[in-house]
Amino acid sequence: MAAMEPKVICVVVLVLSLALSSLAQGETETCQVEPHQRRNCGDPGITAKECKDKGCCFDNTVRGVPWCFHTAPVVDEACEF
């Protein structure tokens, strides 16, 4: 059984890596909002942690637009006419 342990560990690490990358990709996709189309999700001075705790996106790289903003709406292609 000792010979299988490294294989099991490798499989667990692979599964966890895939799960985490899927979560990160999902956040990146929903936070891709054009700067001037952002809808404010927090008060001035909100921190990145406070913003993310509210379930919003945080990006302070563009001046003059909300840094804490709502995620992009998910569009269900089956419902489009």
PDB file of N, CA and C in Angstrom:
ATOM      1  N   MET A   1       0.801  -1.189   0.000  1.00  0.00           N
ATOM      2  CA  MET A   1       0.000   0.000   0.000  1.00  0.00           C
ATOM      3  C   MET A   1       0.848   1.259   0.000  1.00  0.00           C
ATOM      4  N   ALA A   2       2.036   1.170   0.514  1.00  0.00           N
ATOM      5  CA  ALA A   2       2.902   2.340   0.587  1.00  0.00           C
ATOM      6  C   ALA A   2       3.263   2.844  -0.805  1.00  0.00           C
ATOM      7  N   ALA A   3       3.299   1.951  -1.797  1.00  0.00           N
ATOM      8  CA  ALA A   3       3.640   2.364  -3.157  1.00  0.00           C
ATOM      9  C   ALA A   3       2.515   3.179  -3.794  1.00  0.00           C
ATOM     10  N   MET A   4       1.300   2.995  -3.357  1.00  0.00           N
ATOM     11  CA  MET A   4       0.176   3.732  -3.932  1.00  0.00           C
ATOM     12  C   MET A   4       0.026   5.124  -3.339  1.00  0.00           C
ATOM     13  N   GLU A   5       0.550   5.364  -2.179  1.00  0.00           N
ATOM     14  CA  GLU A   5       0.367   6.654  -1.525  1.00  0.00           C
ATOM     15  C   GLU A   5       0.856   7.826  -2.377  1.00  0.00           C
ATOM     16  N   PRO A   6       2.041   7.773  -2.977  1.00  0.00           N
ATOM     17  CA  PRO A   6       2.461   8.910  -3.819  1.00  0.00           C
ATOM     18  C   PRO A   6       1.519   9.145  -4.994  1.00  0.00           C
ATOM     19  N   LYS A   7       0.978   8.076  -5.572  1.00  0.00           N
ATOM     20  CA  LYS A   7       0.038   8.231  -6.680  1.00  0.00           C
ATOM     21  C   LYS A   7      -1.243   8.910  -6.201  1.00  0.00           C
ATOM     22  N   VAL A   8      -1.723   8.497  -5.037  1.00  0.00           N
ATOM     23  CA  VAL A   8      -2.944   9.085  -4.478  1.00  0.00           C
ATOM     24  C   VAL A   8      -2.711  10.562  -4.189  1.00  0.00           C
ATOM     25  N   ILE A   9      -1.585  10.878  -3.625  1.00  0.00           N
ATOM     26  CA  ILE A   9      -1.254  12.273  -3.329  1.00  0.00           C
ATOM     27  C   ILE A   9      -1.208  13.079  -4.621  1.00  0.00           C
ATOM     28  N   CYS A  10      -0.610  12.552  -5.659  1.00  0.00           N
ATOM     29  CA  CYS A  10      -0.530  13.248  -6.946  1.00  0.00           C
ATOM     30  C   CYS A  10      -1.929  13.491  -7.522  1.00  0.00           C
ATOM     31  N   VAL A  11      -2.794  12.509  -7.424  1.00  0.00           N
ATOM     32  CA  VAL A  11      -4.158  12.662  -7.937  1.00  0.00           C
ATOM     33  C   VAL A  11      -4.905  13.738  -7.153  1.00  0.00           C
ATOM     34  N   VAL A  12      -4.768  13.728  -5.835  1.00  0.00           N
ATOM     35  CA  VAL A  12      -5.440  14.727  -5.007  1.00  0.00           C
ATOM     36  C   VAL A  12      -4.930  16.131  -5.351  1.00  0.00           C
ATOM     37  N   VAL A  13      -3.623  16.271  -5.494  1.00  0.00           N
ATOM     38  CA  VAL A  13      -3.045  17.575  -5.849  1.00  0.00           C
ATOM     39  C   VAL A  13      -3.555  18.024  -7.213  1.00  0.00           C
ATOM     40  N   LEU A  14      -3.626  17.121  -8.164  1.00  0.00           N
ATOM     41  CA  LEU A  14      -4.118  17.462  -9.502  1.00  0.00           C
ATOM     42  C   LEU A  14      -5.576  17.918  -9.449  1.00  0.00           C
ATOM     43  N   VAL A  15      -6.406  17.195  -8.730  1.00  0.00           N
ATOM     44  CA  VAL A  15      -7.824  17.551  -8.623  1.00  0.00           C
ATOM     45  C   VAL A  15      -7.984  18.917  -7.965  1.00  0.00           C
ATOM     46  N   LEU A  16      -7.264  19.155  -6.879  1.00  0.00           N
ATOM     47  CA  LEU A  16      -7.345  20.452  -6.203  1.00  0.00           C
ATOM     48  C   LEU A  16      -6.862  21.583  -7.102  1.00  0.00           C
ATOM     49  N   SER A  17      -5.796  21.347  -7.856  1.00  0.00           N
ATOM     50  CA  SER A  17      -5.275  22.365  -8.768  1.00  0.00           C
ATOM     51  C   SER A  17      -6.299  22.720  -9.841  1.00  0.00           C
ATOM     52  N   LEU A  18      -6.935  21.709 -10.396  1.00  0.00           N
ATOM     53  CA  LEU A  18      -7.952  21.954 -11.416  1.00  0.00           C
ATOM     54  C   LEU A  18      -9.141  22.713 -10.840  1.00  0.00           C
ATOM     55  N   ALA A  19      -9.552  22.364  -9.644  1.00  0.00           N
ATOM     56  CA  ALA A  19     -10.688  23.044  -9.013  1.00  0.00           C
ATOM     57  C   ALA A  19     -10.356  24.508  -8.748  1.00  0.00           C
ATOM     58  N   LEU A  20      -9.183  24.779  -8.219  1.00  0.00           N
ATOM     59  CA  LEU A  20      -8.788  26.158  -7.938  1.00  0.00           C
ATOM     60  C   LEU A  20      -8.631  26.975  -9.212  1.00  0.00           C
ATOM     61  N   SER A  21      -8.097  26.382 -10.261  1.00  0.00           N
ATOM     62  CA  SER A  21      -7.940  27.133 -11.510  1.00  0.00           C
ATOM     63  C   SER A  21      -9.299  27.440 -12.130  1.00  0.00           C
ATOM     64  N   SER A  22     -10.270  26.531 -11.971  1.00  0.00           N
ATOM     65  CA  SER A  22     -11.614  26.791 -12.473  1.00  0.00           C
ATOM     66  C   SER A  22     -12.260  27.941 -11.726  1.00  0.00           C
ATOM     67  N   LEU A  23     -12.077  27.985 -10.414  1.00  0.00           N
ATOM     68  CA  LEU A  23     -12.622  29.079  -9.623  1.00  0.00           C
ATOM     69  C   LEU A  23     -11.987  30.402 -10.023  1.00  0.00           C
ATOM     70  N   ALA A  24     -10.683  30.410 -10.183  1.00  0.00           N
ATOM     71  CA  ALA A  24      -9.977  31.640 -10.567  1.00  0.00           C
ATOM     72  C   ALA A  24     -10.400  32.093 -11.947  1.00  0.00           C
ATOM     73  N   GLN A  25     -10.577  31.167 -12.873  1.00  0.00           N
ATOM     74  CA  GLN A  25     -10.992  31.523 -14.228  1.00  0.00           C
ATOM     75  C   GLN A  25     -12.396  32.107 -14.205  1.00  0.00           C
ATOM     76  N   GLY A  26     -13.285  31.525 -13.414  1.00  0.00           N
ATOM     77  CA  GLY A  26     -14.644  32.043 -13.316  1.00  0.00           C
ATOM     78  C   GLY A  26     -14.672  33.465 -12.795  1.00  0.00           C
ATOM     79  N   GLU A  27     -13.846  33.763 -11.790  1.00  0.00           N
ATOM     80  CA  GLU A  27     -13.792  35.121 -11.254  1.00  0.00           C
ATOM     81  C   GLU A  27     -13.240  36.084 -12.289  1.00  0.00           C
ATOM     82  N   THR A  28     -12.212  35.669 -13.008  1.00  0.00           N
ATOM     83  CA  THR A  28     -11.627  36.534 -14.031  1.00  0.00           C
ATOM     84  C   THR A  28     -12.642  36.853 -15.105  1.00  0.00           C
ATOM     85  N   GLU A  29     -13.405  35.856 -15.542  1.00  0.00           N
ATOM     86  CA  GLU A  29     -14.384  36.075 -16.600  1.00  0.00           C
ATOM     87  C   GLU A  29     -15.500  37.013 -16.152  1.00  0.00           C
ATOM     88  N   THR A  30     -15.992  36.850 -14.928  1.00  0.00           N
ATOM     89  CA  THR A  30     -17.093  37.691 -14.479  1.00  0.00           C
ATOM     90  C   THR A  30     -16.634  39.095 -14.120  1.00  0.00           C
ATOM     91  N   CYS A  31     -15.346  39.281 -13.874  1.00  0.00           N
ATOM     92  CA  CYS A  31     -14.822  40.606 -13.520  1.00  0.00           C
ATOM     93  C   CYS A  31     -14.292  41.363 -14.739  1.00  0.00           C
ATOM     94  N   GLN A  32     -14.464  40.830 -15.913  1.00  0.00           N
ATOM     95  CA  GLN A  32     -14.033  41.512 -17.135  1.00  0.00           C
ATOM     96  C   GLN A  32     -15.121  42.494 -17.559  1.00  0.00           C
ATOM     97  N   VAL A  33     -15.143  43.646 -16.900  1.00  0.00           N
ATOM     98  CA  VAL A  33     -16.126  44.688 -17.172  1.00  0.00           C
ATOM     99  C   VAL A  33     -15.364  45.908 -17.662  1.00  0.00           C
ATOM    100  N   GLU A  34     -15.770  46.461 -18.791  1.00  0.00           N
ATOM    101  CA  GLU A  34     -15.123  47.664 -19.297  1.00  0.00           C
ATOM    102  C   GLU A  34     -15.154  48.734 -18.207  1.00  0.00           C
ATOM    103  N   PRO A  35     -14.049  49.446 -17.992  1.00  0.00           N
ATOM    104  CA  PRO A  35     -13.980  50.404 -16.889  1.00  0.00           C
ATOM    105  C   PRO A  35     -15.145  51.383 -16.817  1.00  0.00           C
ATOM    106  N   HIS A  36     -15.591  51.912 -17.931  1.00  0.00           N
ATOM    107  CA  HIS A  36     -16.646  52.913 -17.898  1.00  0.00           C
ATOM    108  C   HIS A  36     -18.052  52.297 -17.862  1.00  0.00           C
ATOM    109  N   GLN A  37     -18.108  50.958 -17.807  1.00  0.00           N
ATOM    110  CA  GLN A  37     -19.398  50.274 -17.673  1.00  0.00           C
ATOM    111  C   GLN A  37     -19.563  49.667 -16.279  1.00  0.00           C
ATOM    112  N   ARG A  38     -18.607  49.942 -15.396  1.00  0.00           N
ATOM    113  CA  ARG A  38     -18.655  49.388 -14.050  1.00  0.00           C
ATOM    114  C   ARG A  38     -19.770  50.036 -13.238  1.00  0.00           C
ATOM    115  N   ARG A  39     -20.484  49.182 -12.479  1.00  0.00           N
ATOM    116  CA  ARG A  39     -21.510  49.668 -11.546  1.00  0.00           C
ATOM    117  C   ARG A  39     -20.934  49.554 -10.140  1.00  0.00           C
ATOM    118  N   ASN A  40     -20.869  50.681  -9.435  1.00  0.00           N
ATOM    119  CA  ASN A  40     -20.241  50.769  -8.128  1.00  0.00           C
ATOM    120  C   ASN A  40     -20.846  49.768  -7.149  1.00  0.00           C
ATOM    121  N   CYS A  41     -19.976  49.151  -6.352  1.00  0.00           N
ATOM    122  CA  CYS A  41     -20.412  48.143  -5.393  1.00  0.00           C
ATOM    123  C   CYS A  41     -19.913  48.463  -3.980  1.00  0.00           C
ATOM    124  N   GLY A  42     -19.290  49.622  -3.801  1.00  0.00           N
ATOM    125  CA  GLY A  42     -18.773  49.925  -2.469  1.00  0.00           C
ATOM    126  C   GLY A  42     -18.592  51.409  -2.256  1.00  0.00           C
ATOM    127  N   ASP A  43     -18.360  51.761  -1.020  1.00  0.00           N
ATOM    128  CA  ASP A  43     -18.129  53.148  -0.663  1.00  0.00           C
ATOM    129  C   ASP A  43     -16.698  53.555  -1.009  1.00  0.00           C
ATOM    130  N   PRO A  44     -16.442  54.863  -1.183  1.00  0.00           N
ATOM    131  CA  PRO A  44     -15.064  55.306  -1.419  1.00  0.00           C
ATOM    132  C   PRO A  44     -14.155  54.826  -0.282  1.00  0.00           C
ATOM    133  N   GLY A  45     -12.982  54.378  -0.627  1.00  0.00           N
ATOM    134  CA  GLY A  45     -12.022  53.906   0.361  1.00  0.00           C
ATOM    135  C   GLY A  45     -12.167  52.450   0.739  1.00  0.00           C
ATOM    136  N   ILE A  46     -13.079  51.727   0.098  1.00  0.00           N
ATOM    137  CA  ILE A  46     -13.258  50.303   0.402  1.00  0.00           C
ATOM    138  C   ILE A  46     -11.977  49.548   0.036  1.00  0.00           C
ATOM    139  N   THR A  47     -11.625  48.580   0.856  1.00  0.00           N
ATOM    140  CA  THR A  47     -10.428  47.785   0.577  1.00  0.00           C
ATOM    141  C   THR A  47     -10.792  46.632  -0.354  1.00  0.00           C
ATOM    142  N   ALA A  48      -9.759  46.035  -0.942  1.00  0.00           N
ATOM    143  CA  ALA A  48      -9.985  44.902  -1.844  1.00  0.00           C
ATOM    144  C   ALA A  48     -10.675  43.762  -1.089  1.00  0.00           C
ATOM    145  N   LYS A  49     -10.258  43.510   0.149  1.00  0.00           N
ATOM    146  CA  LYS A  49     -10.869  42.423   0.931  1.00  0.00           C
ATOM    147  C   LYS A  49     -12.338  42.719   1.222  1.00  0.00           C
ATOM    148  N   GLU A  50     -12.642  43.940   1.646  1.00  0.00           N
ATOM    149  CA  GLU A  50     -14.031  44.302   1.927  1.00  0.00           C
ATOM    150  C   GLU A  50     -14.892  44.160   0.673  1.00  0.00           C
ATOM    151  N   CYS A  51     -14.336  44.559  -0.456  1.00  0.00           N
ATOM    152  CA  CYS A  51     -15.048  44.480  -1.729  1.00  0.00           C
ATOM    153  C   CYS A  51     -15.342  43.022  -2.099  1.00  0.00           C
ATOM    154  N   LYS A  52     -14.318  42.194  -2.024  1.00  0.00           N
ATOM    155  CA  LYS A  52     -14.489  40.787  -2.384  1.00  0.00           C
ATOM    156  C   LYS A  52     -15.403  40.069  -1.396  1.00  0.00           C
ATOM    157  N   ASP A  53     -15.372  40.495  -0.120  1.00  0.00           N
ATOM    158  CA  ASP A  53     -16.277  39.905   0.875  1.00  0.00           C
ATOM    159  C   ASP A  53     -17.739  40.193   0.531  1.00  0.00           C
ATOM    160  N   LYS A  54     -17.978  41.292  -0.189  1.00  0.00           N
ATOM    161  CA  LYS A  54     -19.339  41.634  -0.628  1.00  0.00           C
ATOM    162  C   LYS A  54     -19.726  40.874  -1.896  1.00  0.00           C
ATOM    163  N   GLY A  55     -18.771  40.119  -2.474  1.00  0.00           N
ATOM    164  CA  GLY A  55     -19.038  39.367  -3.695  1.00  0.00           C
ATOM    165  C   GLY A  55     -18.828  40.190  -4.950  1.00  0.00           C
ATOM    166  N   CYS A  56     -18.055  41.269  -4.822  1.00  0.00           N
ATOM    167  CA  CYS A  56     -17.822  42.158  -5.960  1.00  0.00           C
ATOM    168  C   CYS A  56     -16.384  42.032  -6.454  1.00  0.00           C
ATOM    169  N   CYS A  57     -16.106  42.685  -7.551  1.00  0.00           N
ATOM    170  CA  CYS A  57     -14.771  42.685  -8.144  1.00  0.00           C
ATOM    171  C   CYS A  57     -14.019  43.929  -7.693  1.00  0.00           C
ATOM    172  N   PHE A  58     -12.697  43.840  -7.622  1.00  0.00           N
ATOM    173  CA  PHE A  58     -11.872  44.983  -7.229  1.00  0.00           C
ATOM    174  C   PHE A  58     -10.735  45.134  -8.231  1.00  0.00           C
ATOM    175  N   ASP A  59     -10.603  46.325  -8.784  1.00  0.00           N
ATOM    176  CA  ASP A  59      -9.511  46.633  -9.712  1.00  0.00           C
ATOM    177  C   ASP A  59      -9.233  48.131  -9.603  1.00  0.00           C
ATOM    178  N   ASN A  60      -8.094  48.474  -9.009  1.00  0.00           N
ATOM    179  CA  ASN A  60      -7.770  49.883  -8.804  1.00  0.00           C
ATOM    180  C   ASN A  60      -6.743  50.400  -9.803  1.00  0.00           C
ATOM    181  N   THR A  61      -6.677  49.782 -10.972  1.00  0.00           N
ATOM    182  CA  THR A  61      -5.683  50.184 -11.962  1.00  0.00           C
ATOM    183  C   THR A  61      -6.168  51.291 -12.895  1.00  0.00           C
ATOM    184  N   VAL A  62      -7.455  51.600 -12.881  1.00  0.00           N
ATOM    185  CA  VAL A  62      -7.995  52.633 -13.767  1.00  0.00           C
ATOM    186  C   VAL A  62      -8.555  53.760 -12.905  1.00  0.00           C
ATOM    187  N   ARG A  63      -8.034  54.956 -13.081  1.00  0.00           N
ATOM    188  CA  ARG A  63      -8.499  56.105 -12.300  1.00  0.00           C
ATOM    189  C   ARG A  63      -9.805  56.644 -12.882  1.00  0.00           C
ATOM    190  N   GLY A  64     -10.631  57.199 -11.987  1.00  0.00           N
ATOM    191  CA  GLY A  64     -11.855  57.864 -12.418  1.00  0.00           C
ATOM    192  C   GLY A  64     -13.048  56.951 -12.635  1.00  0.00           C
ATOM    193  N   VAL A  65     -12.913  55.679 -12.295  1.00  0.00           N
ATOM    194  CA  VAL A  65     -14.023  54.726 -12.410  1.00  0.00           C
ATOM    195  C   VAL A  65     -14.103  53.950 -11.098  1.00  0.00           C
ATOM    196  N   PRO A  66     -15.246  53.307 -10.823  1.00  0.00           N
ATOM    197  CA  PRO A  66     -15.337  52.524  -9.578  1.00  0.00           C
ATOM    198  C   PRO A  66     -14.282  51.419  -9.522  1.00  0.00           C
ATOM    199  N   TRP A  67     -13.648  51.302  -8.370  1.00  0.00           N
ATOM    200  CA  TRP A  67     -12.653  50.253  -8.166  1.00  0.00           C
ATOM    201  C   TRP A  67     -13.306  48.993  -7.626  1.00  0.00           C
ATOM    202  N   CYS A  68     -14.371  49.151  -6.883  1.00  0.00           N
ATOM    203  CA  CYS A  68     -15.145  48.018  -6.389  1.00  0.00           C
ATOM    204  C   CYS A  68     -16.449  48.035  -7.178  1.00  0.00           C
ATOM    205  N   PHE A  69     -16.668  46.990  -7.972  1.00  0.00           N
ATOM    206  CA  PHE A  69     -17.798  47.004  -8.891  1.00  0.00           C
ATOM    207  C   PHE A  69     -18.452  45.638  -8.985  1.00  0.00           C
ATOM    208  N   HIS A  70     -19.706  45.662  -9.426  1.00  0.00           N
ATOM    209  CA  HIS A  70     -20.468  44.421  -9.590  1.00  0.00           C
ATOM    210  C   HIS A  70     -19.879  43.598 -10.730  1.00  0.00           C
ATOM    211  N   THR A  71     -20.029  42.286 -10.612  1.00  0.00           N
ATOM    212  CA  THR A  71     -19.557  41.392 -11.662  1.00  0.00           C
ATOM    213  C   THR A  71     -20.367  41.608 -12.933  1.00  0.00           C
ATOM    214  N   ALA A  72     -19.817  41.163 -14.030  1.00  0.00           N
ATOM    215  CA  ALA A  72     -20.533  41.252 -15.304  1.00  0.00           C
ATOM    216  C   ALA A  72     -21.745  40.336 -15.234  1.00  0.00           C
ATOM    217  N   PRO A  73     -22.857  40.763 -15.779  1.00  0.00           N
ATOM    218  CA  PRO A  73     -24.034  39.889 -15.758  1.00  0.00           C
ATOM    219  C   PRO A  73     -23.779  38.632 -16.582  1.00  0.00           C
ATOM    220  N   VAL A  74     -24.219  37.513 -16.066  1.00  0.00           N
ATOM    221  CA  VAL A  74     -24.078  36.258 -16.789  1.00  0.00           C
ATOM    222  C   VAL A  74     -25.232  36.171 -17.763  1.00  0.00           C
ATOM    223  N   VAL A  75     -24.911  36.009 -19.039  1.00  0.00           N
ATOM    224  CA  VAL A  75     -25.935  35.962 -20.079  1.00  0.00           C
ATOM    225  C   VAL A  75     -26.170  34.505 -20.435  1.00  0.00           C
ATOM    226  N   ASP A  76     -27.414  34.086 -20.324  1.00  0.00           N
ATOM    227  CA  ASP A  76     -27.785  32.732 -20.699  1.00  0.00           C
ATOM    228  C   ASP A  76     -28.134  32.742 -22.170  1.00  0.00           C
ATOM    229  N   GLU A  77     -27.281  32.153 -22.982  1.00  0.00           N
ATOM    230  CA  GLU A  77     -27.476  32.191 -24.440  1.00  0.00           C
ATOM    231  C   GLU A  77     -28.783  31.540 -24.865  1.00  0.00           C
ATOM    232  N   ALA A  78     -29.292  30.591 -24.080  1.00  0.00           N
ATOM    233  CA  ALA A  78     -30.535  29.920 -24.432  1.00  0.00           C
ATOM    234  C   ALA A  78     -31.731  30.864 -24.300  1.00  0.00           C
ATOM    235  N   CYS A  79     -31.584  31.933 -23.511  1.00  0.00           N
ATOM    236  CA  CYS A  79     -32.687  32.855 -23.292  1.00  0.00           C
ATOM    237  C   CYS A  79     -32.660  34.046 -24.241  1.00  0.00           C
ATOM    238  N   GLU A  80     -31.614  34.179 -25.034  1.00  0.00           N
ATOM    239  CA  GLU A  80     -31.534  35.299 -25.955  1.00  0.00           C
ATOM    240  C   GLU A  80     -32.448  35.061 -27.150  1.00  0.00           C
ATOM    241  N   PHE A  81     -33.052  36.141 -27.638  1.00  0.00           N
ATOM    242  CA  PHE A  81     -33.948  36.041 -28.798  1.00  0.00           C
ATOM    243  C   PHE A  81     -33.313  36.680 -29.986  1.00  0.00           C
TER     244      PHE A  81
END
